Amino acid sequence: MKLSDYLSKHKISQTTFAAQLGVSQGLVYQWLTGKRPVAAEQCPKIEELTGGEVRCEELNDRVDWAFVRASGEKVT
């Protein structure tokens, strides 16, 4: 699921989500509009915060998430 769809579905504002994640609302806006990609370090945090509804693979396709998941290492 796309992050924008998740926020809409759960009626979560960009400001609230940003606060939960510890980033600025402006950064969340940039992710949602495609002006800035979601950093790989943020993807696991977002996946966890959304209960797996938004997956790392949806947020950043430049990382081989299958490899990361298989390795058992956390991206931080």
C-alpha atoms as a PDB file:
ATOM      1  CA  MET A   1       0.000   0.000   0.000  1.00  0.00           C
ATOM      2  CA  LYS A   2       1.230   3.487  -0.760  1.00  0.00           C
ATOM      3  CA  LEU A   3       1.946   5.739   2.171  1.00  0.00           C
ATOM      4  CA  SER A   4      -0.591   8.298   0.954  1.00  0.00           C
ATOM      5  CA  ASP A   5      -3.279   5.595   0.814  1.00  0.00           C
ATOM      6  CA  TYR A   6      -2.392   4.443   4.328  1.00  0.00           C
ATOM      7  CA  LEU A   7      -2.642   7.952   5.758  1.00  0.00           C
ATOM      8  CA  SER A   8      -5.949   8.532   3.998  1.00  0.00           C
ATOM      9  CA  LYS A   9      -7.395   5.160   5.002  1.00  0.00           C
ATOM     10  CA  HIS A  10      -6.552   5.695   8.665  1.00  0.00           C
ATOM     11  CA  LYS A  11      -7.303   9.443   8.605  1.00  0.00           C
ATOM     12  CA  ILE A  12      -3.809  10.299   9.829  1.00  0.00           C
ATOM     13  CA  SER A  13      -2.481  13.770   9.069  1.00  0.00           C
ATOM     14  CA  GLN A  14       0.992  14.353   7.715  1.00  0.00           C
ATOM     15  CA  THR A  15       1.800  16.258  10.906  1.00  0.00           C
ATOM     16  CA  THR A  16       0.697  13.402  13.165  1.00  0.00           C
ATOM     17  CA  PHE A  17       2.552  10.795  11.119  1.00  0.00           C
ATOM     18  CA  ALA A  18       5.682  12.942  11.045  1.00  0.00           C
ATOM     19  CA  ALA A  19       5.582  13.321  14.826  1.00  0.00           C
ATOM     20  CA  GLN A  20       5.174   9.570  15.298  1.00  0.00           C
ATOM     21  CA  LEU A  21       8.157   8.987  13.029  1.00  0.00           C
ATOM     22  CA  GLY A  22      10.290  11.812  14.428  1.00  0.00           C
ATOM     23  CA  VAL A  23      10.617  13.743  11.162  1.00  0.00           C
ATOM     24  CA  SER A  24       9.197  17.016   9.883  1.00  0.00           C
ATOM     25  CA  GLN A  25       5.797  17.345   8.235  1.00  0.00           C
ATOM     26  CA  GLY A  26       7.601  18.907   5.286  1.00  0.00           C
ATOM     27  CA  LEU A  27       9.624  15.748   4.763  1.00  0.00           C
ATOM     28  CA  VAL A  28       6.487  13.601   4.796  1.00  0.00           C
ATOM     29  CA  TYR A  29       4.947  15.980   2.245  1.00  0.00           C
ATOM     30  CA  GLN A  30       8.014  15.607   0.019  1.00  0.00           C
ATOM     31  CA  TRP A  31       7.729  11.819   0.192  1.00  0.00           C
ATOM     32  CA  LEU A  32       4.039  11.904  -0.675  1.00  0.00           C
ATOM     33  CA  THR A  33       4.527  14.226  -3.646  1.00  0.00           C
ATOM     34  CA  GLY A  34       7.588  12.396  -4.949  1.00  0.00           C
ATOM     35  CA  LYS A  35       9.828  15.422  -4.513  1.00  0.00           C
ATOM     36  CA  ARG A  36      12.126  13.391  -2.297  1.00  0.00           C
ATOM     37  CA  PRO A  37      12.540   9.618  -1.987  1.00  0.00           C
ATOM     38  CA  VAL A  38      12.098   7.885   1.343  1.00  0.00           C
ATOM     39  CA  ALA A  39      15.559   7.170   2.735  1.00  0.00           C
ATOM     40  CA  ALA A  40      16.320   3.480   3.208  1.00  0.00           C
ATOM     41  CA  GLU A  41      16.873   4.093   6.915  1.00  0.00           C
ATOM     42  CA  GLN A  42      13.285   5.322   7.297  1.00  0.00           C
ATOM     43  CA  CYS A  43      11.612   2.448   5.468  1.00  0.00           C
ATOM     44  CA  PRO A  44      11.733  -0.176   8.243  1.00  0.00           C
ATOM     45  CA  LYS A  45      10.491   2.413  10.744  1.00  0.00           C
ATOM     46  CA  ILE A  46       7.556   3.268   8.497  1.00  0.00           C
ATOM     47  CA  GLU A  47       6.768  -0.397   7.873  1.00  0.00           C
ATOM     48  CA  GLU A  48       6.750  -1.038  11.616  1.00  0.00           C
ATOM     49  CA  LEU A  49       4.720   2.087  12.401  1.00  0.00           C
ATOM     50  CA  THR A  50       2.093   1.111   9.823  1.00  0.00           C
ATOM     51  CA  GLY A  51       1.876  -2.458  11.058  1.00  0.00           C
ATOM     52  CA  GLY A  52       3.268  -3.732   7.756  1.00  0.00           C
ATOM     53  CA  GLU A  53       0.551  -2.134   5.640  1.00  0.00           C
ATOM     54  CA  VAL A  54       3.185   0.039   3.951  1.00  0.00           C
ATOM     55  CA  ARG A  55       6.139  -2.134   2.998  1.00  0.00           C
ATOM     56  CA  CYS A  56       9.723  -1.084   2.462  1.00  0.00           C
ATOM     57  CA  GLU A  57       9.497  -2.290  -1.129  1.00  0.00           C
ATOM     58  CA  GLU A  58       6.763   0.284  -1.817  1.00  0.00           C
ATOM     59  CA  LEU A  59       8.707   3.114  -0.225  1.00  0.00           C
ATOM     60  CA  ASN A  60      12.133   2.676  -1.809  1.00  0.00           C
ATOM     61  CA  ASP A  61      12.742   0.400  -4.781  1.00  0.00           C
ATOM     62  CA  ARG A  62      16.477   1.128  -4.943  1.00  0.00           C
ATOM     63  CA  VAL A  63      17.199  -1.309  -2.106  1.00  0.00           C
ATOM     64  CA  ASP A  64      17.162  -5.088  -2.473  1.00  0.00           C
ATOM     65  CA  TRP A  65      14.743  -5.583   0.405  1.00  0.00           C
ATOM     66  CA  ALA A  66      14.567  -9.355  -0.164  1.00  0.00           C
ATOM     67  CA  PHE A  67      18.295  -9.546   0.525  1.00  0.00           C
ATOM     68  CA  VAL A  68      18.019  -7.287   3.571  1.00  0.00           C
ATOM     69  CA  ARG A  69      15.148  -9.337   4.977  1.00  0.00           C
ATOM     70  CA  ALA A  70      16.979 -12.632   4.323  1.00  0.00           C
ATOM     71  CA  SER A  71      20.130 -11.376   6.011  1.00  0.00           C
ATOM     72  CA  GLY A  72      18.248 -10.597   9.211  1.00  0.00           C
ATOM     73  CA  GLU A  73      20.134  -7.322   9.530  1.00  0.00           C
ATOM     74  CA  LYS A  74      18.307  -4.135  10.381  1.00  0.00           C
ATOM     75  CA  VAL A  75      18.652  -1.041   8.243  1.00  0.00           C
ATOM     76  CA  THR A  76      19.352   1.846  10.596  1.00  0.00           C
END
